[in-house]
Amino acid sequence: MCIMSFPEGCHCQWNVKKDCYNKCGGVSPGINTCPALSIPPVPKSILRPKPAPHVLRLPDLPKVPGCKCEQTMCIQSYPDSCHCAWNIAKDCYDKCGGKSPGINTCPPKNSFGGDSYVDGPVKRAAAPEPQSSTATIPVTIPKISLGTVGAIGNKACDFEERFCIQQWPQSCFCANANKYARYLRCGGAIPTYQTCSSPIIPTTIKTITRTITTTIYPTPTPTEGLHRVQICGGGRGNQNQACPTGYTCVNDPYVNQPCGLECDRTGICVEERLCGGFAGFRCLTPGQVCLDDPRDGCSPKTGGADCGGLCFWPPSLRQKA
C-alpha cells in the first residue's frame, strides 16, 4: 500500500507496477512520469518496525482456593486500554494464580511522547448523585401556520376544498373527492380514502290482518320487467335515508334539479360498482345504463376523459313509487 501524498504516492505506485512487471511480466509499466521528489526517499530499513524482544510466556498456576480478584475498569483509549486489560489479568494471575495472561502483544503506549496516558487499571468510582435544578428553562415553540398548504411535493400549492354535506355516506364520498382533487392538483403521497359503505337498517315485519270486503278493486298494472329503485336521502327526518350494503345514495341523473342531496332533497340507491373509465367496464345487469358518477369531479361536460360512472335504471324500466 502506498502513502497518500503526492508525488511520493505517484512514485510508489509506479515502483509497484515495475516490481510486478519484473517478477511476473505482462504489460509494461511505461516511463515514470512522476515529478521529482523534493526530499530523498526514506530507506525501507528505517520504515520497518523493530522486532519486539523475545518474552517468555508465563506458565499456568494452580488456582488459590477462595481467592477473588478486584473489579477494575480501564480507560477507553487505545492502546492504553489494551495494556490496562493485560495488567488486570497479570495482577489477578499474580494474586490468585490460575490461567496465564499470556504475552503482552499491545503496541507501545503514547508513541508521540509525553506522559498523558493513564498507566494501569482505574478503580471504579461510585455513581454521582443526581442533580436537579428548580430554574425555569425557556423553551421556544415555533409558530404553526394553519393555512391551506398543498402536499409535500408542492409546498406552494393553493387548494380550496369544497364544502361537504353533513350526512352519511355523502359526507364520506365528498371527503374522498376532496382528497383526490388535492392529489391531482398538488401531487405528493397517494391519499388514503375512507370506506363509505352504508349501515344495514333492520326492517320490522308487520302482521297483516286480512278483512273480507265487497269493494271492487281496479285491475293492477303489471310490473313484470320493471325494477324498484329505492329512494334515499331527504334530510335527517327521512326514515328511508340509508341504502343497503353495497349500494350508495346519489342524485338521480334523470331528474333535472339544480340542487339535490346537497339541499336535503331525495336521491336514489345505486350499486357501488364502477362502469366506464379507462377499461370501459359495462353494466352487469342487462337494461341498466352507465352514466357519469357525479361524485368524482370528472365530467365529460367539462372536458373530462375516461371518467368513471355508475349503472342506473332508466325511467322506462322503473316501478312507479
C-alpha atoms as a PDB file:
ATOM      1  CA  MET A   1       0.000   0.000   0.000  1.00  0.00           C
ATOM      2  CA  CYS A   2       1.359   3.436  -0.983  1.00  0.00           C
ATOM      3  CA  ILE A   3       1.313   6.636   1.022  1.00  0.00           C
ATOM      4  CA  MET A   4      -1.443   9.082   0.008  1.00  0.00           C
ATOM      5  CA  SER A   5       0.920  12.006  -0.585  1.00  0.00           C
ATOM      6  CA  PHE A   6       1.951  13.491  -3.935  1.00  0.00           C
ATOM      7  CA  PRO A   7       4.450  12.987  -5.550  1.00  0.00           C
ATOM      8  CA  GLU A   8       5.584  10.200  -3.203  1.00  0.00           C
ATOM      9  CA  GLY A   9       2.399   8.195  -3.880  1.00  0.00           C
ATOM     10  CA  CYS A  10       2.925   8.519  -7.646  1.00  0.00           C
ATOM     11  CA  HIS A  11       6.469   7.091  -7.436  1.00  0.00           C
ATOM     12  CA  CYS A  12       5.285   4.342  -5.100  1.00  0.00           C
ATOM     13  CA  GLN A  13       2.552   3.188  -7.496  1.00  0.00           C
ATOM     14  CA  TRP A  14       4.981   3.153 -10.443  1.00  0.00           C
ATOM     15  CA  ASN A  15       7.515   1.132  -8.424  1.00  0.00           C
ATOM     16  CA  VAL A  16       4.792  -1.398  -7.516  1.00  0.00           C
ATOM     17  CA  LYS A  17       3.895  -1.853 -11.191  1.00  0.00           C
ATOM     18  CA  LYS A  18       7.589  -2.150 -12.140  1.00  0.00           C
ATOM     19  CA  ASP A  19       8.267  -4.770  -9.435  1.00  0.00           C
ATOM     20  CA  CYS A  20       5.262  -6.801 -10.622  1.00  0.00           C
ATOM     21  CA  TYR A  21       6.454  -6.496 -14.226  1.00  0.00           C
ATOM     22  CA  ASN A  22       9.976  -7.669 -13.313  1.00  0.00           C
ATOM     23  CA  LYS A  23       8.566 -10.616 -11.364  1.00  0.00           C
ATOM     24  CA  CYS A  24       5.607 -11.787 -13.460  1.00  0.00           C
ATOM     25  CA  GLY A  25       5.891  -9.998 -16.809  1.00  0.00           C
ATOM     26  CA  GLY A  26       2.780  -8.684 -18.563  1.00  0.00           C
ATOM     27  CA  VAL A  27       2.009  -5.103 -19.563  1.00  0.00           C
ATOM     28  CA  SER A  28       4.972  -2.718 -19.309  1.00  0.00           C
ATOM     29  CA  PRO A  29       4.658  -0.036 -16.621  1.00  0.00           C
ATOM     30  CA  GLY A  30       5.927   2.528 -19.113  1.00  0.00           C
ATOM     31  CA  ILE A  31       8.065   5.530 -18.240  1.00  0.00           C
ATOM     32  CA  ASN A  32       7.967   7.072 -14.799  1.00  0.00           C
ATOM     33  CA  THR A  33       6.398  10.487 -15.457  1.00  0.00           C
ATOM     34  CA  CYS A  34       6.042  11.431 -11.801  1.00  0.00           C
ATOM     35  CA  PRO A  35       7.647  14.751 -10.756  1.00  0.00           C
ATOM     36  CA  ALA A  36      10.922  14.656  -8.890  1.00  0.00           C
ATOM     37  CA  LEU A  37      10.841  14.156  -5.149  1.00  0.00           C
ATOM     38  CA  SER A  38      11.664  17.222  -3.089  1.00  0.00           C
ATOM     39  CA  ILE A  39      13.443  15.089  -0.496  1.00  0.00           C
ATOM     40  CA  PRO A  40      15.309  11.828  -0.915  1.00  0.00           C
ATOM     41  CA  PRO A  41      13.210   8.711  -0.272  1.00  0.00           C
ATOM     42  CA  VAL A  42      13.395   7.173   3.145  1.00  0.00           C
ATOM     43  CA  PRO A  43      15.201   3.802   3.143  1.00  0.00           C
ATOM     44  CA  LYS A  44      12.931   0.832   3.700  1.00  0.00           C
ATOM     45  CA  SER A  45      15.123  -0.340   6.530  1.00  0.00           C
ATOM     46  CA  ILE A  46      14.153   2.738   8.567  1.00  0.00           C
ATOM     47  CA  LEU A  47      10.417   2.261   7.946  1.00  0.00           C
ATOM     48  CA  ARG A  48      10.461  -1.347   9.057  1.00  0.00           C
ATOM     49  CA  PRO A  49       9.407  -1.769  12.723  1.00  0.00           C
ATOM     50  CA  LYS A  50      11.969  -3.102  15.094  1.00  0.00           C
ATOM     51  CA  PRO A  51      11.235  -6.633  16.250  1.00  0.00           C
ATOM     52  CA  ALA A  52       9.995  -6.884  19.810  1.00  0.00           C
ATOM     53  CA  PRO A  53      12.290  -8.626  22.272  1.00  0.00           C
ATOM     54  CA  HIS A  54      11.526 -12.270  22.902  1.00  0.00           C
ATOM     55  CA  VAL A  55       9.376 -12.659  26.013  1.00  0.00           C
ATOM     56  CA  LEU A  56       8.643 -15.978  27.645  1.00  0.00           C
ATOM     57  CA  ARG A  57       5.001 -16.842  28.256  1.00  0.00           C
ATOM     58  CA  LEU A  58       4.018 -17.199  31.909  1.00  0.00           C
ATOM     59  CA  PRO A  59       3.021 -20.737  32.854  1.00  0.00           C
ATOM     60  CA  ASP A  60      -0.398 -21.645  34.228  1.00  0.00           C
ATOM     61  CA  LEU A  61      -0.524 -21.869  38.048  1.00  0.00           C
ATOM     62  CA  PRO A  62      -2.874 -23.690  40.431  1.00  0.00           C
ATOM     63  CA  LYS A  63      -5.877 -21.610  41.442  1.00  0.00           C
ATOM     64  CA  VAL A  64      -5.718 -20.323  45.042  1.00  0.00           C
ATOM     65  CA  PRO A  65      -8.892 -21.524  46.838  1.00  0.00           C
ATOM     66  CA  GLY A  66     -11.240 -18.687  47.883  1.00  0.00           C
ATOM     67  CA  CYS A  67      -9.137 -16.009  46.164  1.00  0.00           C
ATOM     68  CA  LYS A  68     -11.094 -13.270  44.348  1.00  0.00           C
ATOM     69  CA  CYS A  69      -9.765 -10.539  42.064  1.00  0.00           C
ATOM     70  CA  GLU A  70     -10.929  -6.925  42.333  1.00  0.00           C
ATOM     71  CA  GLN A  71     -13.279  -5.449  39.756  1.00  0.00           C
ATOM     72  CA  THR A  72     -11.487  -2.690  37.869  1.00  0.00           C
ATOM     73  CA  MET A  73     -12.264  -0.578  34.817  1.00  0.00           C
ATOM     74  CA  CYS A  74      -9.879   0.566  32.072  1.00  0.00           C
ATOM     75  CA  ILE A  75      -9.819   3.893  30.261  1.00  0.00           C
ATOM     76  CA  GLN A  76     -11.366   3.646  26.790  1.00  0.00           C
ATOM     77  CA  SER A  77      -8.367   4.885  24.830  1.00  0.00           C
ATOM     78  CA  TYR A  78      -6.257   2.639  22.634  1.00  0.00           C
ATOM     79  CA  PRO A  79      -3.548   1.384  23.132  1.00  0.00           C
ATOM     80  CA  ASP A  80      -3.754   2.306  26.823  1.00  0.00           C
ATOM     81  CA  SER A  81      -6.894   0.184  27.239  1.00  0.00           C
ATOM     82  CA  CYS A  82      -5.047  -2.842  25.798  1.00  0.00           C
ATOM     83  CA  HIS A  83      -2.182  -2.518  28.300  1.00  0.00           C
ATOM     84  CA  CYS A  84      -4.670  -1.897  31.130  1.00  0.00           C
ATOM     85  CA  ALA A  85      -6.612  -5.082  30.363  1.00  0.00           C
ATOM     86  CA  TRP A  86      -3.383  -7.122  30.248  1.00  0.00           C
ATOM     87  CA  ASN A  87      -2.203  -5.618  33.556  1.00  0.00           C
ATOM     88  CA  ILE A  88      -5.537  -6.560  35.188  1.00  0.00           C
ATOM     89  CA  ALA A  89      -5.148 -10.147  34.032  1.00  0.00           C
ATOM     90  CA  LYS A  90      -1.498 -10.142  35.182  1.00  0.00           C
ATOM     91  CA  ASP A  91      -2.372  -8.769  38.666  1.00  0.00           C
ATOM     92  CA  CYS A  92      -5.122 -11.370  39.109  1.00  0.00           C
ATOM     93  CA  TYR A  93      -2.672 -14.069  37.975  1.00  0.00           C
ATOM     94  CA  ASP A  94      -0.036 -12.925  40.484  1.00  0.00           C
ATOM     95  CA  LYS A  95      -2.588 -12.791  43.308  1.00  0.00           C
ATOM     96  CA  CYS A  96      -4.744 -15.855  42.758  1.00  0.00           C
ATOM     97  CA  GLY A  97      -2.896 -17.924  40.176  1.00  0.00           C
ATOM     98  CA  GLY A  98      -4.907 -19.729  37.517  1.00  0.00           C
ATOM     99  CA  LYS A  99      -4.673 -19.331  33.757  1.00  0.00           C
ATOM    100  CA  SER A 100      -1.678 -17.416  32.373  1.00  0.00           C
ATOM    101  CA  PRO A 101      -2.375 -13.928  30.965  1.00  0.00           C
ATOM    102  CA  GLY A 102      -0.110 -14.774  28.019  1.00  0.00           C
ATOM    103  CA  ILE A 103       2.278 -12.322  26.368  1.00  0.00           C
ATOM    104  CA  ASN A 104       1.539  -8.601  26.187  1.00  0.00           C
ATOM    105  CA  THR A 105       1.141  -8.020  22.441  1.00  0.00           C
ATOM    106  CA  CYS A 106      -0.237  -4.478  22.767  1.00  0.00           C
ATOM    107  CA  PRO A 107       1.504  -1.720  20.744  1.00  0.00           C
ATOM    108  CA  PRO A 108       3.707   0.793  22.578  1.00  0.00           C
ATOM    109  CA  LYS A 109       1.831   3.355  24.627  1.00  0.00           C
ATOM    110  CA  ASN A 110       1.907   7.089  23.853  1.00  0.00           C
ATOM    111  CA  SER A 111       4.104   6.869  20.762  1.00  0.00           C
ATOM    112  CA  PHE A 112       4.084  10.677  20.430  1.00  0.00           C
ATOM    113  CA  GLY A 113       5.980  11.189  23.683  1.00  0.00           C
ATOM    114  CA  GLY A 114       4.950  12.642  26.988  1.00  0.00           C
ATOM    115  CA  ASP A 115       3.081  11.048  29.851  1.00  0.00           C
ATOM    116  CA  SER A 116      -0.532  11.981  29.048  1.00  0.00           C
ATOM    117  CA  TYR A 117      -1.797   8.394  29.235  1.00  0.00           C
ATOM    118  CA  VAL A 118      -3.088   6.607  32.300  1.00  0.00           C
ATOM    119  CA  ASP A 119      -0.940   3.632  33.245  1.00  0.00           C
ATOM    120  CA  GLY A 120      -2.642   0.705  34.897  1.00  0.00           C
ATOM    121  CA  PRO A 121      -6.230  -0.047  35.848  1.00  0.00           C
ATOM    122  CA  VAL A 122      -8.602   2.594  37.140  1.00  0.00           C
ATOM    123  CA  LYS A 123     -10.792   1.682  40.097  1.00  0.00           C
ATOM    124  CA  ARG A 124     -14.487   2.135  39.517  1.00  0.00           C
ATOM    125  CA  ALA A 125     -15.862   5.157  41.362  1.00  0.00           C
ATOM    126  CA  ALA A 126     -19.307   5.407  42.879  1.00  0.00           C
ATOM    127  CA  ALA A 127     -22.118   6.764  40.746  1.00  0.00           C
ATOM    128  CA  PRO A 128     -22.602  10.535  41.217  1.00  0.00           C
ATOM    129  CA  GLU A 129     -25.716  11.824  42.914  1.00  0.00           C
ATOM    130  CA  PRO A 130     -28.373  13.133  40.511  1.00  0.00           C
ATOM    131  CA  GLN A 131     -28.503  16.911  40.375  1.00  0.00           C
ATOM    132  CA  SER A 132     -31.761  18.763  39.973  1.00  0.00           C
ATOM    133  CA  SER A 133     -32.421  22.432  39.411  1.00  0.00           C
ATOM    134  CA  THR A 134     -35.603  24.437  40.005  1.00  0.00           C
ATOM    135  CA  ALA A 135     -34.592  27.106  37.499  1.00  0.00           C
ATOM    136  CA  THR A 136     -37.033  27.572  34.612  1.00  0.00           C
ATOM    137  CA  ILE A 137     -35.556  26.747  31.221  1.00  0.00           C
ATOM    138  CA  PRO A 138     -37.097  28.894  28.449  1.00  0.00           C
ATOM    139  CA  VAL A 139     -38.366  26.858  25.503  1.00  0.00           C
ATOM    140  CA  THR A 140     -39.088  28.485  22.153  1.00  0.00           C
ATOM    141  CA  ILE A 141     -42.149  26.946  20.490  1.00  0.00           C
ATOM    142  CA  PRO A 142     -42.241  27.519  16.726  1.00  0.00           C
ATOM    143  CA  LYS A 143     -45.381  29.059  15.282  1.00  0.00           C
ATOM    144  CA  ILE A 144     -47.599  26.669  13.347  1.00  0.00           C
ATOM    145  CA  SER A 145     -49.392  28.039  10.322  1.00  0.00           C
ATOM    146  CA  LEU A 146     -52.964  26.785   9.951  1.00  0.00           C
ATOM    147  CA  GLY A 147     -53.321  27.956   6.376  1.00  0.00           C
ATOM    148  CA  THR A 148     -54.202  25.638   3.496  1.00  0.00           C
ATOM    149  CA  VAL A 149     -50.956  24.153   2.279  1.00  0.00           C
ATOM    150  CA  GLY A 150     -50.571  21.600  -0.510  1.00  0.00           C
ATOM    151  CA  ALA A 151     -48.792  18.282  -0.354  1.00  0.00           C
ATOM    152  CA  ILE A 152     -45.077  17.890   0.251  1.00  0.00           C
ATOM    153  CA  GLY A 153     -44.487  17.540  -3.491  1.00  0.00           C
ATOM    154  CA  ASN A 154     -45.554  21.224  -3.984  1.00  0.00           C
ATOM    155  CA  LYS A 155     -45.422  23.382  -0.842  1.00  0.00           C
ATOM    156  CA  ALA A 156     -46.719  26.459  -2.718  1.00  0.00           C
ATOM    157  CA  CYS A 157     -49.868  24.642  -3.916  1.00  0.00           C
ATOM    158  CA  ASP A 158     -53.076  26.541  -3.157  1.00  0.00           C
ATOM    159  CA  PHE A 159     -56.075  24.220  -2.954  1.00  0.00           C
ATOM    160  CA  GLU A 160     -59.553  25.086  -1.719  1.00  0.00           C
ATOM    161  CA  GLU A 161     -61.665  22.180  -0.508  1.00  0.00           C
ATOM    162  CA  ARG A 162     -65.344  22.201  -1.409  1.00  0.00           C
ATOM    163  CA  PHE A 163     -67.988  22.132   1.307  1.00  0.00           C
ATOM    164  CA  CYS A 164     -69.339  18.675   2.202  1.00  0.00           C
ATOM    165  CA  ILE A 165     -72.878  17.922   3.338  1.00  0.00           C
ATOM    166  CA  GLN A 166     -73.042  16.574   6.882  1.00  0.00           C
ATOM    167  CA  GLN A 167     -74.931  13.404   6.044  1.00  0.00           C
ATOM    168  CA  TRP A 168     -73.577   9.866   5.835  1.00  0.00           C
ATOM    169  CA  PRO A 169     -72.467   8.459   3.445  1.00  0.00           C
ATOM    170  CA  GLN A 170     -72.493  11.608   1.255  1.00  0.00           C
ATOM    171  CA  SER A 171     -70.027  13.342   3.597  1.00  0.00           C
ATOM    172  CA  CYS A 172     -67.644  10.370   3.265  1.00  0.00           C
ATOM    173  CA  PHE A 173     -67.728  10.428  -0.554  1.00  0.00           C
ATOM    174  CA  CYS A 174     -67.273  14.193  -0.543  1.00  0.00           C
ATOM    175  CA  ALA A 175     -64.201  13.952   1.736  1.00  0.00           C
ATOM    176  CA  ASN A 176     -62.682  11.298  -0.542  1.00  0.00           C
ATOM    177  CA  ALA A 177     -63.340  13.506  -3.571  1.00  0.00           C
ATOM    178  CA  ASN A 178     -61.558  16.418  -1.854  1.00  0.00           C
ATOM    179  CA  LYS A 179     -58.527  14.205  -1.162  1.00  0.00           C
ATOM    180  CA  TYR A 180     -58.437  13.014  -4.780  1.00  0.00           C
ATOM    181  CA  ALA A 181     -58.760  16.562  -6.175  1.00  0.00           C
ATOM    182  CA  ARG A 182     -55.950  17.787  -3.885  1.00  0.00           C
ATOM    183  CA  TYR A 183     -53.745  14.891  -5.047  1.00  0.00           C
ATOM    184  CA  LEU A 184     -54.368  15.711  -8.739  1.00  0.00           C
ATOM    185  CA  ARG A 185     -53.636  19.419  -8.211  1.00  0.00           C
ATOM    186  CA  CYS A 186     -50.798  19.349  -5.688  1.00  0.00           C
ATOM    187  CA  GLY A 187     -49.244  15.884  -6.051  1.00  0.00           C
ATOM    188  CA  GLY A 188     -47.458  14.291  -3.126  1.00  0.00           C
ATOM    189  CA  ALA A 189     -48.228  10.962  -1.475  1.00  0.00           C
ATOM    190  CA  ILE A 190     -51.209   8.901  -2.626  1.00  0.00           C
ATOM    191  CA  PRO A 191     -54.101   9.711  -0.244  1.00  0.00           C
ATOM    192  CA  THR A 192     -55.851   7.123   1.906  1.00  0.00           C
ATOM    193  CA  TYR A 193     -59.582   7.003   1.298  1.00  0.00           C
ATOM    194  CA  GLN A 194     -62.359   6.126   3.741  1.00  0.00           C
ATOM    195  CA  THR A 195     -64.742   3.205   3.248  1.00  0.00           C
ATOM    196  CA  CYS A 196     -68.172   4.693   2.616  1.00  0.00           C
ATOM    197  CA  SER A 197     -70.416   1.629   2.975  1.00  0.00           C
ATOM    198  CA  SER A 198     -73.902   2.298   4.303  1.00  0.00           C
ATOM    199  CA  PRO A 199     -75.121   0.588   7.506  1.00  0.00           C
ATOM    200  CA  ILE A 200     -77.851  -2.025   7.302  1.00  0.00           C
ATOM    201  CA  ILE A 201     -81.145  -0.877   8.821  1.00  0.00           C
ATOM    202  CA  PRO A 202     -83.168  -3.851  10.104  1.00  0.00           C
ATOM    203  CA  THR A 203     -86.731  -3.929   8.838  1.00  0.00           C
ATOM    204  CA  THR A 204     -89.666  -4.869  11.050  1.00  0.00           C
ATOM    205  CA  ILE A 205     -92.059  -7.483   9.635  1.00  0.00           C
ATOM    206  CA  LYS A 206     -95.631  -6.493  10.405  1.00  0.00           C
ATOM    207  CA  THR A 207     -98.522  -8.974  10.546  1.00  0.00           C
ATOM    208  CA  ILE A 208    -101.284  -8.004   8.129  1.00  0.00           C
ATOM    209  CA  THR A 209    -104.836  -8.947   9.067  1.00  0.00           C
ATOM    210  CA  ARG A 210    -106.974  -9.684   6.030  1.00  0.00           C
ATOM    211  CA  THR A 211    -110.559  -8.440   6.014  1.00  0.00           C
ATOM    212  CA  ILE A 212    -113.307  -9.510   3.662  1.00  0.00           C
ATOM    213  CA  THR A 213    -114.838  -6.643   1.678  1.00  0.00           C
ATOM    214  CA  THR A 214    -117.189  -6.343  -1.261  1.00  0.00           C
ATOM    215  CA  THR A 215    -115.327  -3.350  -2.731  1.00  0.00           C
ATOM    216  CA  ILE A 216    -114.243  -3.971  -6.312  1.00  0.00           C
ATOM    217  CA  TYR A 217    -110.574  -3.038  -6.832  1.00  0.00           C
ATOM    218  CA  PRO A 218    -109.267  -1.976 -10.220  1.00  0.00           C
ATOM    219  CA  THR A 219    -107.078  -4.375 -12.141  1.00  0.00           C
ATOM    220  CA  PRO A 220    -103.442  -3.622 -11.150  1.00  0.00           C
ATOM    221  CA  THR A 221    -100.930  -2.644 -13.790  1.00  0.00           C
ATOM    222  CA  PRO A 222     -98.491  -5.498 -14.427  1.00  0.00           C
ATOM    223  CA  THR A 223     -94.957  -4.745 -13.146  1.00  0.00           C
ATOM    224  CA  GLU A 224     -93.141  -7.608 -14.830  1.00  0.00           C
ATOM    225  CA  GLY A 225     -89.838  -6.370 -16.267  1.00  0.00           C
ATOM    226  CA  LEU A 226     -89.840  -3.246 -14.083  1.00  0.00           C
ATOM    227  CA  HIS A 227     -87.382  -2.727 -11.246  1.00  0.00           C
ATOM    228  CA  ARG A 228     -87.805  -0.995  -7.913  1.00  0.00           C
ATOM    229  CA  VAL A 229     -85.446   1.906  -7.264  1.00  0.00           C
ATOM    230  CA  GLN A 230     -85.120   2.777  -3.574  1.00  0.00           C
ATOM    231  CA  ILE A 231     -85.436   6.423  -2.571  1.00  0.00           C
ATOM    232  CA  CYS A 232     -82.829   7.737  -0.128  1.00  0.00           C
ATOM    233  CA  GLY A 233     -81.667  10.999   1.411  1.00  0.00           C
ATOM    234  CA  GLY A 234     -84.138  13.778   2.032  1.00  0.00           C
ATOM    235  CA  GLY A 235     -82.681  15.064   5.296  1.00  0.00           C
ATOM    236  CA  ARG A 236     -82.276  13.544   8.733  1.00  0.00           C
ATOM    237  CA  GLY A 237     -86.030  13.297   9.270  1.00  0.00           C
ATOM    238  CA  ASN A 238     -86.479  10.784   6.456  1.00  0.00           C
ATOM    239  CA  GLN A 239     -86.691   7.197   7.719  1.00  0.00           C
ATOM    240  CA  ASN A 240     -85.533   5.750   4.362  1.00  0.00           C
ATOM    241  CA  GLN A 241     -82.349   7.757   4.001  1.00  0.00           C
ATOM    242  CA  ALA A 242     -79.863   4.824   4.154  1.00  0.00           C
ATOM    243  CA  CYS A 243     -79.133   2.384   1.327  1.00  0.00           C
ATOM    244  CA  PRO A 244     -78.396  -1.324   1.859  1.00  0.00           C
ATOM    245  CA  THR A 245     -74.845  -2.668   1.910  1.00  0.00           C
ATOM    246  CA  GLY A 246     -73.157  -2.443  -1.471  1.00  0.00           C
ATOM    247  CA  TYR A 247     -75.325   0.500  -2.591  1.00  0.00           C
ATOM    248  CA  THR A 248     -74.809   4.241  -2.340  1.00  0.00           C
ATOM    249  CA  CYS A 249     -77.140   7.246  -2.415  1.00  0.00           C
ATOM    250  CA  VAL A 250     -76.629   9.638  -5.358  1.00  0.00           C
ATOM    251  CA  ASN A 251     -78.628  12.263  -7.218  1.00  0.00           C
ATOM    252  CA  ASP A 252     -80.971  10.872  -9.875  1.00  0.00           C
ATOM    253  CA  PRO A 253     -79.403  11.874 -13.224  1.00  0.00           C
ATOM    254  CA  TYR A 254     -82.834  11.660 -14.917  1.00  0.00           C
ATOM    255  CA  VAL A 255     -84.308  14.306 -12.597  1.00  0.00           C
ATOM    256  CA  ASN A 256     -83.452  17.867 -13.580  1.00  0.00           C
ATOM    257  CA  GLN A 257     -82.906  19.762 -10.345  1.00  0.00           C
ATOM    258  CA  PRO A 258     -80.252  22.403  -9.587  1.00  0.00           C
ATOM    259  CA  CYS A 259     -79.647  21.123  -6.065  1.00  0.00           C
ATOM    260  CA  GLY A 260     -80.193  17.548  -4.896  1.00  0.00           C
ATOM    261  CA  LEU A 261     -78.774  15.788  -1.856  1.00  0.00           C
ATOM    262  CA  GLU A 262     -76.763  18.906  -1.045  1.00  0.00           C
ATOM    263  CA  CYS A 263     -80.070  20.678  -0.303  1.00  0.00           C
ATOM    264  CA  ASP A 264     -81.594  17.813   1.717  1.00  0.00           C
ATOM    265  CA  ARG A 265     -83.523  16.518  -1.292  1.00  0.00           C
ATOM    266  CA  THR A 266     -84.008  12.839  -2.048  1.00  0.00           C
ATOM    267  CA  GLY A 267     -81.827  10.666  -4.253  1.00  0.00           C
ATOM    268  CA  ILE A 268     -81.782   7.052  -5.392  1.00  0.00           C
ATOM    269  CA  CYS A 269     -79.785   3.992  -4.329  1.00  0.00           C
ATOM    270  CA  VAL A 270     -77.466   2.552  -6.995  1.00  0.00           C
ATOM    271  CA  GLU A 271     -74.970  -0.294  -6.800  1.00  0.00           C
ATOM    272  CA  GLU A 272     -71.439   0.777  -5.798  1.00  0.00           C
ATOM    273  CA  ARG A 273     -69.833  -0.757  -8.913  1.00  0.00           C
ATOM    274  CA  LEU A 274     -67.641   1.106 -11.407  1.00  0.00           C
ATOM    275  CA  CYS A 275     -68.530   1.227 -15.088  1.00  0.00           C
ATOM    276  CA  GLY A 276     -66.886   3.024 -17.992  1.00  0.00           C
ATOM    277  CA  GLY A 277     -63.462   4.512 -17.181  1.00  0.00           C
ATOM    278  CA  PHE A 278     -60.204   3.596 -18.909  1.00  0.00           C
ATOM    279  CA  ALA A 279     -61.172  -0.087 -19.211  1.00  0.00           C
ATOM    280  CA  GLY A 280     -64.692   0.607 -20.463  1.00  0.00           C
ATOM    281  CA  PHE A 281     -66.468  -1.611 -17.916  1.00  0.00           C
ATOM    282  CA  ARG A 282     -70.050  -2.485 -18.862  1.00  0.00           C
ATOM    283  CA  CYS A 283     -73.047  -2.834 -16.569  1.00  0.00           C
ATOM    284  CA  LEU A 284     -73.508  -6.450 -15.463  1.00  0.00           C
ATOM    285  CA  THR A 285     -77.313  -6.243 -15.339  1.00  0.00           C
ATOM    286  CA  PRO A 286     -78.983  -6.067 -18.785  1.00  0.00           C
ATOM    287  CA  GLY A 287     -81.056  -2.942 -19.257  1.00  0.00           C
ATOM    288  CA  GLN A 288     -79.012  -0.679 -16.993  1.00  0.00           C
ATOM    289  CA  VAL A 289     -77.291   2.403 -18.442  1.00  0.00           C
ATOM    290  CA  CYS A 290     -73.787   3.595 -17.487  1.00  0.00           C
ATOM    291  CA  LEU A 291     -73.914   7.310 -16.655  1.00  0.00           C
ATOM    292  CA  ASP A 292     -71.281   9.671 -15.251  1.00  0.00           C
ATOM    293  CA  ASP A 293     -70.604   9.457 -11.500  1.00  0.00           C
ATOM    294  CA  PRO A 294     -71.359  12.983 -10.205  1.00  0.00           C
ATOM    295  CA  ARG A 295     -69.171  12.498  -7.098  1.00  0.00           C
ATOM    296  CA  ASP A 296     -65.687  12.050  -8.608  1.00  0.00           C
ATOM    297  CA  GLY A 297     -65.269  15.555 -10.075  1.00  0.00           C
ATOM    298  CA  CYS A 298     -64.637  14.140 -13.575  1.00  0.00           C
ATOM    299  CA  SER A 299     -67.335  15.008 -16.121  1.00  0.00           C
ATOM    300  CA  PRO A 300     -67.320  14.805 -19.936  1.00  0.00           C
ATOM    301  CA  LYS A 301     -69.326  18.058 -19.936  1.00  0.00           C
ATOM    302  CA  THR A 302     -66.313  19.921 -18.522  1.00  0.00           C
ATOM    303  CA  GLY A 303     -63.674  18.269 -20.717  1.00  0.00           C
ATOM    304  CA  GLY A 304     -63.085  15.106 -18.670  1.00  0.00           C
ATOM    305  CA  ALA A 305     -61.956  11.954 -20.467  1.00  0.00           C
ATOM    306  CA  ASP A 306     -62.338   8.291 -19.494  1.00  0.00           C
ATOM    307  CA  CYS A 307     -64.474   9.240 -16.499  1.00  0.00           C
ATOM    308  CA  GLY A 308     -65.888   6.504 -14.302  1.00  0.00           C
ATOM    309  CA  GLY A 309     -69.626   6.035 -13.932  1.00  0.00           C
ATOM    310  CA  LEU A 310     -72.418   4.116 -12.195  1.00  0.00           C
ATOM    311  CA  CYS A 311     -75.166   1.879 -13.560  1.00  0.00           C
ATOM    312  CA  PHE A 312     -78.710   3.368 -13.438  1.00  0.00           C
ATOM    313  CA  TRP A 313     -82.131   2.008 -14.349  1.00  0.00           C
ATOM    314  CA  PRO A 314     -83.745   4.257 -16.972  1.00  0.00           C
ATOM    315  CA  PRO A 315     -87.200   5.646 -16.055  1.00  0.00           C
ATOM    316  CA  SER A 316     -88.879   3.308 -18.553  1.00  0.00           C
ATOM    317  CA  LEU A 317     -87.707   0.248 -16.568  1.00  0.00           C
ATOM    318  CA  ARG A 318     -88.525   1.580 -13.099  1.00  0.00           C
ATOM    319  CA  GLN A 319     -91.539   0.831 -10.961  1.00  0.00           C
ATOM    320  CA  LYS A 320     -93.558   3.877 -10.079  1.00  0.00           C
ATOM    321  CA  ALA A 321     -93.187   4.931  -6.479  1.00  0.00           C
END
